[in-house]
N, C-alpha and C. Protein backbone atom coordinates (compact mmCIF):
# COMPACT_ATOMS: atom_id res chain seq x y z
N MET A 1 -170.67 -4.34 2.62
CA MET A 1 -170.49 -3.70 3.85
C MET A 1 -171.31 -4.57 5.10
N SER A 2 -170.47 -4.81 6.14
CA SER A 2 -171.18 -5.59 7.31
C SER A 2 -172.35 -4.58 8.09
N ASN A 3 -173.26 -5.31 8.62
CA ASN A 3 -174.29 -4.65 9.61
C ASN A 3 -173.55 -3.65 10.52
N PRO A 4 -172.31 -4.21 11.35
CA PRO A 4 -171.98 -3.44 12.28
C PRO A 4 -171.07 -2.14 11.64
N GLU A 5 -170.74 -2.27 10.57
CA GLU A 5 -170.11 -1.30 9.86
C GLU A 5 -170.97 -0.14 9.36
N THR A 6 -172.22 -0.55 8.92
CA THR A 6 -173.31 0.40 8.55
C THR A 6 -173.75 1.11 9.70
N LYS A 7 -173.88 0.25 10.83
CA LYS A 7 -174.45 1.15 11.94
C LYS A 7 -173.44 2.03 12.56
N ALA A 8 -171.94 1.90 12.34
CA ALA A 8 -171.23 2.64 12.84
C ALA A 8 -171.11 4.12 12.02
N ILE A 9 -171.18 3.75 10.40
CA ILE A 9 -171.23 4.96 9.57
C ILE A 9 -172.63 5.87 10.06
N THR A 10 -173.49 5.18 10.17
CA THR A 10 -174.90 5.84 10.65
C THR A 10 -174.78 6.74 11.78
N ARG A 11 -174.25 6.00 12.89
CA ARG A 11 -173.84 6.87 14.18
C ARG A 11 -173.09 8.00 13.78
N GLU A 12 -171.90 7.69 13.07
CA GLU A 12 -170.91 8.84 12.86
C GLU A 12 -171.78 10.08 12.11
N LEU A 13 -172.61 9.64 10.96
CA LEU A 13 -173.33 10.70 10.37
C LEU A 13 -174.26 11.40 11.28
N GLN A 14 -174.97 10.71 12.16
CA GLN A 14 -176.00 11.28 13.00
C GLN A 14 -175.22 12.34 14.07
N SER A 15 -173.96 12.04 14.17
CA SER A 15 -173.08 12.77 15.15
C SER A 15 -172.73 14.06 14.37
N HIS A 16 -172.24 14.00 13.10
CA HIS A 16 -172.07 15.25 12.34
C HIS A 16 -173.32 15.98 12.30
N ALA A 17 -174.56 15.41 11.82
CA ALA A 17 -175.67 16.22 11.66
C ALA A 17 -176.09 16.77 13.12
N ALA A 18 -175.83 16.16 14.33
CA ALA A 18 -176.14 16.90 15.49
C ALA A 18 -175.35 17.92 15.89
N ILE A 19 -173.82 17.70 15.56
CA ILE A 19 -173.13 18.81 15.81
C ILE A 19 -173.15 20.05 15.13
N LEU A 20 -173.20 19.95 13.92
CA LEU A 20 -173.47 21.04 13.06
C LEU A 20 -174.92 21.54 13.13
N GLY A 21 -175.81 20.85 13.01
CA GLY A 21 -177.42 21.17 13.46
C GLY A 21 -177.42 22.20 14.61
N GLY A 22 -176.69 21.62 15.78
CA GLY A 22 -176.48 22.31 16.93
C GLY A 22 -175.82 23.72 16.86
N PHE A 23 -174.85 23.69 16.02
CA PHE A 23 -174.33 25.21 15.79
C PHE A 23 -175.00 26.04 14.93
N VAL A 24 -175.54 25.45 13.84
CA VAL A 24 -176.56 26.31 13.21
C VAL A 24 -177.66 26.94 13.98
N ALA A 25 -178.24 25.92 14.82
CA ALA A 25 -179.47 26.45 15.81
C ALA A 25 -179.01 27.51 16.58
N LEU A 26 -177.91 27.19 17.19
CA LEU A 26 -177.20 28.35 18.05
C LEU A 26 -177.04 29.72 17.30
N LEU A 27 -176.52 29.66 16.33
CA LEU A 27 -176.41 30.86 15.43
C LEU A 27 -177.79 31.73 14.99
N TRP A 28 -178.62 30.71 14.64
CA TRP A 28 -179.98 31.52 14.44
C TRP A 28 -180.85 31.97 15.54
N THR A 29 -180.39 31.13 16.76
CA THR A 29 -181.29 31.52 17.87
C THR A 29 -180.56 32.78 18.44
N ILE A 30 -179.35 32.94 18.33
CA ILE A 30 -178.76 34.31 18.85
C ILE A 30 -179.06 35.26 18.07
N GLU A 31 -179.31 35.18 16.74
CA GLU A 31 -179.62 36.23 15.78
C GLU A 31 -181.33 36.50 15.94
N ILE A 32 -182.10 35.62 16.20
CA ILE A 32 -183.32 35.86 16.48
C ILE A 32 -183.54 36.51 17.93
N ILE A 33 -182.73 36.29 18.73
CA ILE A 33 -182.69 37.15 20.01
C ILE A 33 -181.91 38.48 19.74
N ASP A 34 -181.14 38.66 19.12
CA ASP A 34 -180.74 39.86 19.06
C ASP A 34 -181.58 40.82 18.26
N ALA A 35 -182.13 40.15 17.14
CA ALA A 35 -182.95 41.10 16.40
C ALA A 35 -184.22 41.59 17.17
N PHE A 36 -184.79 40.58 17.79
CA PHE A 36 -186.30 40.82 18.48
C PHE A 36 -186.30 41.34 19.84
N VAL A 37 -185.12 40.83 20.50
CA VAL A 37 -185.07 41.44 21.86
C VAL A 37 -184.03 42.58 22.15
N PHE A 38 -182.96 42.50 21.48
CA PHE A 38 -181.89 43.48 21.67
C PHE A 38 -181.68 44.56 20.78
N ARG A 39 -182.37 44.51 19.76
CA ARG A 39 -182.55 45.32 18.50
C ARG A 39 -181.14 45.64 17.91
N GLY A 40 -180.40 44.45 17.73
CA GLY A 40 -178.96 44.58 17.31
C GLY A 40 -177.83 45.10 18.11
N ALA A 41 -178.26 45.11 19.45
CA ALA A 41 -177.18 45.71 20.29
C ALA A 41 -176.10 44.69 20.65
N LEU A 42 -176.17 43.38 20.46
CA LEU A 42 -175.43 42.23 20.81
C LEU A 42 -174.22 42.66 19.71
N ASN A 43 -174.52 43.04 18.45
CA ASN A 43 -173.36 43.24 17.66
C ASN A 43 -172.21 44.16 17.93
N SER A 44 -172.26 44.89 19.15
CA SER A 44 -171.39 45.75 19.39
C SER A 44 -170.32 44.81 20.33
N TYR A 45 -170.60 43.42 20.52
CA TYR A 45 -169.53 42.65 21.06
C TYR A 45 -168.63 41.98 20.15
N GLY A 46 -168.63 42.51 18.95
CA GLY A 46 -167.77 41.97 17.95
C GLY A 46 -166.41 42.29 18.42
N VAL A 47 -165.35 42.07 17.38
CA VAL A 47 -164.17 42.43 17.48
C VAL A 47 -164.02 43.98 17.09
N ARG A 48 -163.48 44.78 18.21
CA ARG A 48 -163.20 46.11 17.89
C ARG A 48 -161.64 46.25 17.91
N PRO A 49 -161.08 46.59 17.02
CA PRO A 49 -159.69 46.69 16.48
C PRO A 49 -158.97 47.59 17.70
N ARG A 50 -157.79 46.89 18.42
CA ARG A 50 -156.93 47.66 19.20
C ARG A 50 -157.67 48.11 20.24
N SER A 51 -158.93 47.63 20.68
CA SER A 51 -159.19 48.00 21.99
C SER A 51 -159.33 47.01 22.92
N LEU A 52 -158.98 47.33 24.06
CA LEU A 52 -158.86 46.19 25.28
C LEU A 52 -160.21 45.40 25.24
N ASP A 53 -161.32 46.02 25.42
CA ASP A 53 -162.52 45.65 25.55
C ASP A 53 -162.97 44.68 24.38
N GLY A 54 -162.49 45.19 23.17
CA GLY A 54 -162.74 44.48 22.05
C GLY A 54 -162.15 43.20 21.88
N LEU A 55 -161.15 42.91 22.54
CA LEU A 55 -160.63 41.48 22.69
C LEU A 55 -161.51 40.44 22.87
N GLU A 56 -162.51 40.70 23.77
CA GLU A 56 -163.66 39.64 24.13
C GLU A 56 -164.31 39.29 22.59
N GLY A 57 -164.27 40.11 21.74
CA GLY A 57 -164.96 39.81 20.47
C GLY A 57 -164.30 38.69 19.55
N ILE A 58 -163.28 38.40 20.06
CA ILE A 58 -162.49 36.98 19.26
C ILE A 58 -163.49 36.13 19.40
N LEU A 59 -163.80 35.98 20.58
CA LEU A 59 -164.74 34.60 20.92
C LEU A 59 -166.31 34.77 20.45
N PHE A 60 -166.65 36.11 20.33
CA PHE A 60 -168.23 36.33 20.06
C PHE A 60 -168.46 36.54 18.69
N MET A 61 -167.27 36.82 17.70
CA MET A 61 -167.38 37.35 16.38
C MET A 61 -168.21 36.38 15.65
N PRO A 62 -167.89 34.96 15.77
CA PRO A 62 -168.57 34.14 14.88
C PRO A 62 -169.82 33.79 14.91
N PHE A 63 -170.48 34.32 16.19
CA PHE A 63 -171.86 33.94 16.56
C PHE A 63 -172.65 34.99 16.36
N LEU A 64 -172.15 36.25 16.02
CA LEU A 64 -172.90 37.63 15.70
C LEU A 64 -173.06 37.92 14.11
N HIS A 65 -174.19 38.39 13.83
CA HIS A 65 -174.38 38.84 12.28
C HIS A 65 -175.34 40.04 12.28
N GLY A 66 -174.97 40.66 11.31
CA GLY A 66 -175.54 41.96 10.89
C GLY A 66 -176.99 41.83 10.76
N SER A 67 -177.70 40.82 10.14
CA SER A 67 -178.92 40.56 9.66
C SER A 67 -179.01 39.09 9.15
N PHE A 68 -180.36 38.73 9.07
CA PHE A 68 -180.71 37.46 8.85
C PHE A 68 -180.22 36.98 7.60
N ALA A 69 -179.98 38.10 6.52
CA ALA A 69 -179.41 37.82 5.31
C ALA A 69 -177.78 37.42 5.32
N HIS A 70 -177.42 38.34 6.23
CA HIS A 70 -175.79 37.76 6.72
C HIS A 70 -175.58 36.49 7.03
N LEU A 71 -176.62 36.09 8.05
CA LEU A 71 -176.42 34.63 8.68
C LEU A 71 -176.95 33.84 7.40
N ALA A 72 -178.00 33.83 6.82
CA ALA A 72 -178.20 33.07 5.79
C ALA A 72 -177.21 32.48 4.99
N ALA A 73 -176.58 33.72 4.31
CA ALA A 73 -175.51 33.67 3.33
C ALA A 73 -174.26 32.73 4.06
N ASN A 74 -174.12 32.71 5.37
CA ASN A 74 -172.88 31.94 5.78
C ASN A 74 -173.39 30.66 6.08
N THR A 75 -174.88 30.26 6.36
CA THR A 75 -175.17 29.13 6.90
C THR A 75 -174.80 27.90 6.19
N ILE A 76 -175.01 27.86 4.69
CA ILE A 76 -174.86 26.71 4.06
C ILE A 76 -173.38 26.55 3.75
N PRO A 77 -172.53 27.33 3.52
CA PRO A 77 -171.18 27.23 3.33
C PRO A 77 -170.40 26.68 4.74
N PHE A 78 -171.06 27.18 5.80
CA PHE A 78 -170.51 26.82 7.10
C PHE A 78 -170.82 25.34 7.29
N ALA A 79 -171.94 24.91 7.05
CA ALA A 79 -172.45 23.47 7.23
C ALA A 79 -171.67 22.42 6.18
N THR A 80 -171.62 23.08 5.01
CA THR A 80 -171.01 22.17 3.84
C THR A 80 -169.65 22.03 4.11
N LEU A 81 -168.95 22.98 4.34
CA LEU A 81 -167.55 23.08 4.54
C LEU A 81 -167.01 22.04 5.70
N GLY A 82 -167.97 22.55 6.80
CA GLY A 82 -167.60 22.09 8.29
C GLY A 82 -167.90 20.40 8.22
N TRP A 83 -168.96 20.05 7.31
CA TRP A 83 -169.31 18.64 7.31
C TRP A 83 -168.05 17.84 6.58
N LEU A 84 -167.52 18.48 5.48
CA LEU A 84 -166.43 17.96 4.80
C LEU A 84 -165.26 17.76 5.70
N ILE A 85 -164.99 18.58 6.63
CA ILE A 85 -163.79 18.34 7.43
C ILE A 85 -164.00 17.40 8.28
N MET A 86 -165.37 17.06 8.86
CA MET A 86 -165.83 15.96 9.97
C MET A 86 -165.54 14.62 9.10
N LEU A 87 -165.82 14.51 7.77
CA LEU A 87 -165.74 13.37 6.97
C LEU A 87 -164.49 12.61 7.44
N ARG A 88 -163.51 13.18 7.54
CA ARG A 88 -162.14 12.48 7.86
C ARG A 88 -162.09 12.12 9.45
N GLN A 89 -162.45 13.23 10.16
CA GLN A 89 -162.26 12.92 11.49
C GLN A 89 -162.92 14.20 12.19
N THR A 90 -163.90 13.74 13.31
CA THR A 90 -164.69 14.71 13.68
C THR A 90 -164.09 15.70 14.63
N SER A 91 -163.12 15.22 15.29
CA SER A 91 -162.36 16.02 16.24
C SER A 91 -161.47 17.26 15.18
N ASP A 92 -161.21 16.93 13.87
CA ASP A 92 -160.46 18.07 12.97
C ASP A 92 -161.41 19.12 12.90
N PHE A 93 -162.88 19.08 12.96
CA PHE A 93 -163.77 20.16 13.06
C PHE A 93 -163.37 21.06 13.93
N PHE A 94 -163.24 20.57 15.13
CA PHE A 94 -163.21 21.54 16.62
C PHE A 94 -161.87 22.01 16.48
N ILE A 95 -160.77 21.49 16.07
CA ILE A 95 -159.58 21.80 16.15
C ILE A 95 -159.23 23.12 15.08
N VAL A 96 -159.88 22.62 13.85
CA VAL A 96 -159.73 23.91 12.80
C VAL A 96 -160.47 24.90 13.31
N SER A 97 -161.78 24.96 14.11
CA SER A 97 -162.79 25.85 14.31
C SER A 97 -162.00 26.83 15.36
N ALA A 98 -161.31 26.06 16.33
CA ALA A 98 -160.33 26.86 17.43
C ALA A 98 -159.39 27.80 16.85
N VAL A 99 -158.72 26.97 16.32
CA VAL A 99 -157.37 27.85 15.65
C VAL A 99 -157.77 29.01 14.88
N THR A 100 -158.90 28.76 13.93
CA THR A 100 -159.33 29.72 12.93
C THR A 100 -159.89 30.85 13.63
N VAL A 101 -160.85 30.57 14.65
CA VAL A 101 -161.38 31.72 15.53
C VAL A 101 -160.16 32.56 16.21
N LEU A 102 -159.39 31.86 16.83
CA LEU A 102 -158.24 32.38 17.32
C LEU A 102 -157.46 33.55 16.45
N VAL A 103 -156.91 32.77 15.33
CA VAL A 103 -156.06 33.50 14.18
C VAL A 103 -156.77 34.76 13.64
N SER A 104 -158.20 34.32 13.02
CA SER A 104 -159.00 35.25 12.42
C SER A 104 -159.25 36.55 13.35
N GLY A 105 -159.59 36.19 14.63
CA GLY A 105 -160.11 37.25 15.60
C GLY A 105 -158.70 38.19 16.11
N VAL A 106 -157.56 37.34 16.30
CA VAL A 106 -156.49 38.27 16.67
C VAL A 106 -155.85 39.25 15.57
N GLY A 107 -155.94 38.42 14.15
CA GLY A 107 -155.62 39.25 12.92
C GLY A 107 -156.48 40.42 12.92
N VAL A 108 -157.64 40.39 12.87
CA VAL A 108 -158.61 41.49 12.85
C VAL A 108 -158.48 42.57 13.99
N TRP A 109 -158.29 42.10 15.25
CA TRP A 109 -158.09 43.05 16.13
C TRP A 109 -156.59 43.99 16.00
N LEU A 110 -155.83 43.20 15.37
CA LEU A 110 -154.43 43.83 15.09
C LEU A 110 -154.49 44.96 13.92
N THR A 111 -155.37 44.32 12.89
CA THR A 111 -155.25 45.10 11.47
C THR A 111 -156.24 45.75 11.16
N GLY A 112 -157.42 45.54 11.91
CA GLY A 112 -158.85 46.16 11.29
C GLY A 112 -158.68 47.61 11.51
N ALA A 113 -159.79 48.31 10.92
CA ALA A 113 -159.94 49.79 10.83
C ALA A 113 -160.33 50.52 12.10
N PRO A 114 -159.73 51.39 12.55
CA PRO A 114 -160.04 52.19 13.90
C PRO A 114 -161.34 52.43 13.94
N ASN A 115 -162.23 52.09 15.06
CA ASN A 115 -163.56 52.44 15.40
C ASN A 115 -164.55 51.43 14.72
N SER A 116 -164.05 50.37 13.99
CA SER A 116 -165.03 49.28 13.46
C SER A 116 -165.28 48.27 14.17
N VAL A 117 -166.24 47.68 14.00
CA VAL A 117 -166.80 46.22 14.68
C VAL A 117 -166.94 45.24 13.77
N HIS A 118 -166.21 44.04 13.90
CA HIS A 118 -166.33 42.96 13.12
C HIS A 118 -167.05 41.66 13.62
N ILE A 119 -168.01 41.34 12.69
CA ILE A 119 -168.85 40.19 13.21
C ILE A 119 -168.93 39.34 11.94
N GLY A 120 -169.40 38.14 12.49
CA GLY A 120 -170.03 36.98 11.38
C GLY A 120 -168.82 35.84 11.32
N ALA A 121 -169.51 34.76 11.00
CA ALA A 121 -168.82 33.43 10.62
C ALA A 121 -167.95 33.44 9.55
N SER A 122 -168.12 34.27 8.65
CA SER A 122 -167.17 34.33 7.63
C SER A 122 -165.82 33.66 7.63
N GLY A 123 -165.14 34.49 8.73
CA GLY A 123 -163.67 34.17 8.92
C GLY A 123 -163.62 32.71 9.29
N LEU A 124 -164.61 32.01 9.88
CA LEU A 124 -164.51 30.62 10.21
C LEU A 124 -164.63 29.96 8.97
N ILE A 125 -165.55 30.34 8.02
CA ILE A 125 -165.92 29.73 6.68
C ILE A 125 -164.53 29.64 5.82
N PHE A 126 -163.79 30.82 5.84
CA PHE A 126 -162.64 30.65 5.03
C PHE A 126 -161.49 30.06 5.70
N GLY A 127 -161.77 29.91 7.14
CA GLY A 127 -160.66 28.88 7.87
C GLY A 127 -161.01 27.49 7.17
N TYR A 128 -162.35 27.01 7.35
CA TYR A 128 -162.55 25.66 6.57
C TYR A 128 -162.09 25.59 5.04
N PHE A 129 -162.21 26.69 4.44
CA PHE A 129 -162.10 26.69 3.09
C PHE A 129 -160.65 26.42 3.11
N GLY A 130 -159.53 27.42 3.69
CA GLY A 130 -158.13 27.16 3.46
C GLY A 130 -157.65 25.81 4.30
N PHE A 131 -158.40 25.19 5.09
CA PHE A 131 -157.97 23.94 5.69
C PHE A 131 -158.13 22.88 4.52
N LEU A 132 -159.46 22.84 3.84
CA LEU A 132 -159.84 21.65 2.96
C LEU A 132 -158.99 21.76 1.55
N LEU A 133 -158.77 23.17 1.17
CA LEU A 133 -157.93 23.44 0.10
C LEU A 133 -156.60 23.01 0.18
N LEU A 134 -155.94 23.24 1.42
CA LEU A 134 -154.56 22.87 1.56
C LEU A 134 -154.42 21.52 2.33
N ARG A 135 -155.21 20.94 2.80
CA ARG A 135 -155.07 19.59 3.42
C ARG A 135 -154.43 18.44 2.52
N GLY A 136 -154.97 18.47 1.24
CA GLY A 136 -154.10 17.63 0.52
C GLY A 136 -152.76 17.79 0.21
N TYR A 137 -152.35 19.02 0.10
CA TYR A 137 -150.85 19.24 -0.10
C TYR A 137 -149.93 18.82 1.09
N PHE A 138 -150.65 19.17 2.21
CA PHE A 138 -149.75 18.75 3.44
C PHE A 138 -149.97 17.32 3.87
N GLU A 139 -151.14 16.81 3.63
CA GLU A 139 -151.28 15.29 4.07
C GLU A 139 -150.79 14.38 3.00
N ARG A 140 -150.91 14.67 1.83
CA ARG A 140 -150.56 13.88 0.68
C ARG A 140 -151.17 12.49 0.68
N SER A 141 -152.46 12.45 0.84
CA SER A 141 -153.09 11.12 0.75
C SER A 141 -154.24 11.24 -0.35
N PHE A 142 -154.51 10.18 -0.96
CA PHE A 142 -155.35 10.22 -1.96
C PHE A 142 -156.58 11.09 -1.85
N THR A 143 -157.35 10.63 -0.62
CA THR A 143 -158.72 11.03 -0.30
C THR A 143 -158.56 12.72 0.24
N SER A 144 -157.51 13.06 0.96
CA SER A 144 -157.26 14.60 1.11
C SER A 144 -157.20 15.28 -0.28
N ILE A 145 -156.42 14.92 -1.07
CA ILE A 145 -156.28 15.54 -2.39
C ILE A 145 -157.41 15.53 -3.06
N ALA A 146 -158.17 14.54 -3.15
CA ALA A 146 -159.53 14.36 -3.89
C ALA A 146 -160.60 15.55 -3.48
N VAL A 147 -160.54 15.64 -1.77
CA VAL A 147 -161.29 16.72 -1.35
C VAL A 147 -160.90 18.03 -1.69
N SER A 148 -159.59 18.21 -1.70
CA SER A 148 -158.96 19.61 -2.19
C SER A 148 -159.31 20.08 -3.33
N LEU A 149 -159.40 18.99 -4.23
CA LEU A 149 -159.68 19.45 -5.79
C LEU A 149 -161.52 19.75 -5.80
N ILE A 150 -162.11 19.06 -5.07
CA ILE A 150 -163.48 19.22 -5.14
C ILE A 150 -163.78 20.42 -4.64
N VAL A 151 -163.28 20.84 -3.42
CA VAL A 151 -163.45 22.19 -2.69
C VAL A 151 -162.94 23.24 -3.48
N GLY A 152 -161.95 22.98 -4.27
CA GLY A 152 -161.31 24.09 -5.14
C GLY A 152 -162.23 24.40 -6.21
N PHE A 153 -162.96 23.25 -6.86
CA PHE A 153 -163.74 23.53 -7.89
C PHE A 153 -165.09 24.27 -7.73
N PHE A 154 -165.63 23.78 -6.39
CA PHE A 154 -167.05 24.33 -6.11
C PHE A 154 -166.64 25.63 -5.62
N TYR A 155 -165.80 25.86 -4.84
CA TYR A 155 -165.67 27.22 -3.83
C TYR A 155 -164.41 27.90 -4.03
N GLY A 156 -163.68 27.68 -5.19
CA GLY A 156 -162.44 28.28 -5.28
C GLY A 156 -162.57 29.93 -5.51
N SER A 157 -163.75 30.41 -6.07
CA SER A 157 -164.02 31.79 -6.13
C SER A 157 -163.88 32.44 -4.90
N LEU A 158 -164.06 31.79 -3.76
CA LEU A 158 -164.10 32.51 -2.33
C LEU A 158 -162.68 33.11 -2.10
N ILE A 159 -161.65 32.53 -2.82
CA ILE A 159 -160.24 33.01 -2.58
C ILE A 159 -160.33 34.46 -2.81
N TRP A 160 -161.09 35.05 -3.78
CA TRP A 160 -161.21 36.56 -3.78
C TRP A 160 -161.61 37.31 -2.55
N GLY A 161 -162.22 36.66 -1.76
CA GLY A 161 -162.67 37.46 -0.56
C GLY A 161 -161.62 37.84 0.59
N VAL A 162 -160.46 37.35 0.19
CA VAL A 162 -159.14 37.51 1.28
C VAL A 162 -158.87 38.93 1.00
N LEU A 163 -159.24 39.71 -0.29
CA LEU A 163 -158.84 40.84 -0.74
C LEU A 163 -159.84 41.93 -0.49
N PRO A 164 -159.27 43.07 -0.19
CA PRO A 164 -160.17 44.34 0.14
C PRO A 164 -160.86 44.71 -1.14
N GLN A 165 -162.28 44.23 -1.22
CA GLN A 165 -163.01 44.65 -2.15
C GLN A 165 -164.31 45.51 -2.26
N GLN A 166 -165.12 45.02 -0.87
CA GLN A 166 -166.46 45.69 -0.84
C GLN A 166 -166.66 46.38 0.65
N PRO A 167 -166.80 47.60 0.71
CA PRO A 167 -167.04 48.48 2.03
C PRO A 167 -167.99 47.80 2.86
N GLY A 168 -167.65 47.59 4.01
CA GLY A 168 -168.54 46.96 5.09
C GLY A 168 -168.22 45.33 5.36
N VAL A 169 -167.33 44.97 4.23
CA VAL A 169 -166.92 43.44 4.32
C VAL A 169 -165.89 43.39 4.99
N SER A 170 -165.52 42.63 5.84
CA SER A 170 -164.08 42.21 6.67
C SER A 170 -163.28 41.28 5.97
N TRP A 171 -162.66 41.95 5.03
CA TRP A 171 -161.92 41.27 4.37
C TRP A 171 -160.41 40.61 5.28
N GLN A 172 -160.25 41.32 6.34
CA GLN A 172 -159.35 40.96 7.46
C GLN A 172 -159.65 39.42 8.09
N ALA A 173 -161.04 39.40 8.39
CA ALA A 173 -161.51 38.13 8.85
C ALA A 173 -161.28 37.31 7.86
N HIS A 174 -161.89 37.49 6.61
CA HIS A 174 -161.53 36.31 5.55
C HIS A 174 -160.18 35.82 5.63
N PHE A 175 -159.18 37.12 5.49
CA PHE A 175 -157.79 36.55 5.05
C PHE A 175 -157.29 35.78 6.48
N PHE A 176 -157.37 36.31 7.42
CA PHE A 176 -156.78 35.49 8.61
C PHE A 176 -157.35 34.39 9.08
N GLY A 177 -158.73 34.14 8.53
CA GLY A 177 -159.49 33.13 8.68
C GLY A 177 -158.76 32.07 7.99
N PHE A 178 -158.67 32.38 6.63
CA PHE A 178 -157.77 31.44 5.53
C PHE A 178 -156.60 30.93 6.12
N VAL A 179 -155.67 31.97 6.66
CA VAL A 179 -154.49 31.75 7.21
C VAL A 179 -154.56 30.81 8.44
N GLY A 180 -155.53 30.85 9.11
CA GLY A 180 -155.58 29.91 10.40
C GLY A 180 -155.96 28.51 9.94
N GLY A 181 -156.64 28.55 8.62
CA GLY A 181 -157.17 27.14 8.12
C GLY A 181 -156.01 26.41 7.54
N VAL A 182 -155.16 27.31 6.90
CA VAL A 182 -153.80 26.85 6.11
C VAL A 182 -153.02 26.14 7.33
N LEU A 183 -152.85 26.95 8.32
CA LEU A 183 -151.72 26.54 9.37
C LEU A 183 -152.21 25.43 10.13
N THR A 184 -153.60 25.39 10.07
CA THR A 184 -154.00 23.99 10.89
C THR A 184 -154.17 22.83 9.91
N ALA A 185 -154.23 22.83 8.75
CA ALA A 185 -153.84 22.02 7.80
C ALA A 185 -152.48 21.52 7.61
N GLN A 186 -151.52 22.43 7.88
CA GLN A 186 -150.28 22.17 8.06
C GLN A 186 -149.85 21.17 9.19
N LEU A 187 -150.34 21.80 10.13
CA LEU A 187 -150.22 20.91 11.70
C LEU A 187 -150.75 19.60 11.71
N LEU A 188 -152.11 19.48 11.35
CA LEU A 188 -152.70 18.27 11.25
C LEU A 188 -152.22 17.21 10.06
N GLY A 189 -151.91 17.84 9.16
CA GLY A 189 -151.21 17.07 7.88
C GLY A 189 -149.79 16.38 8.16
N ARG A 190 -148.96 17.23 8.98
CA ARG A 190 -147.72 16.59 9.42
C ARG A 190 -147.92 15.66 10.47
N GLN A 191 -148.74 15.80 11.49
CA GLN A 191 -149.15 14.74 12.49
C GLN A 191 -149.57 13.49 11.69
N LYS A 192 -150.49 13.75 10.83
CA LYS A 192 -151.00 12.29 10.26
C LYS A 192 -150.00 11.53 9.23
N ARG A 193 -148.94 12.40 8.58
CA ARG A 193 -147.90 11.72 8.00
C ARG A 193 -147.05 11.04 9.16
N GLU A 194 -146.67 11.61 10.08
CA GLU A 194 -145.96 10.96 11.02
C GLU A 194 -146.57 9.75 11.64
N ILE A 195 -147.73 9.51 11.88
CA ILE A 195 -148.31 8.75 12.33
C ILE A 195 -148.34 7.41 11.27
N LYS A 196 -148.29 7.85 10.00
CA LYS A 196 -148.12 6.62 9.09
C LYS A 196 -146.85 5.77 9.00
N HIS A 197 -145.99 6.92 9.38
CA HIS A 197 -144.53 6.40 9.26
C HIS A 197 -144.08 5.75 10.63
């Protein structure tokens, strides 16, 4: 590998680290401020189903967490799956994130239990999972299929999270996040196949 190619790869990886590190730092900063300054009051800005005021929570939900343990549980899969998306193309990460936040948030707003508040980045994580799992099917390239198989092997058990199992866990966010990821995989996969032809 030539020196310019090595430098380009290094710059790309540094860019990935900066983007993901920035997002993670933002999530932790918000949780620290919420815990120590607002005493958890920011969590009321999550998605509140079928409430007009609760619509703003669609944008805020991924940035709010119920506790440091909740955020810690989301941090590693967020960074890992987010980075796997970036490996192909950094812009894919932003597209998948935007579509997933919208689909997950709207889905929760329409179907969530009355008087509930939904927070957390897990809907986003399930979107990444759905995208990576199905990208190989829609894109039909060796690399994307290989990544799909790897993600399925290591994170396949996540799929059960789309079902209502544990009280207090927003399975709606998981389910619609997954749907958002799959829709994005279909959209981007079709675009990449058309470019090849």
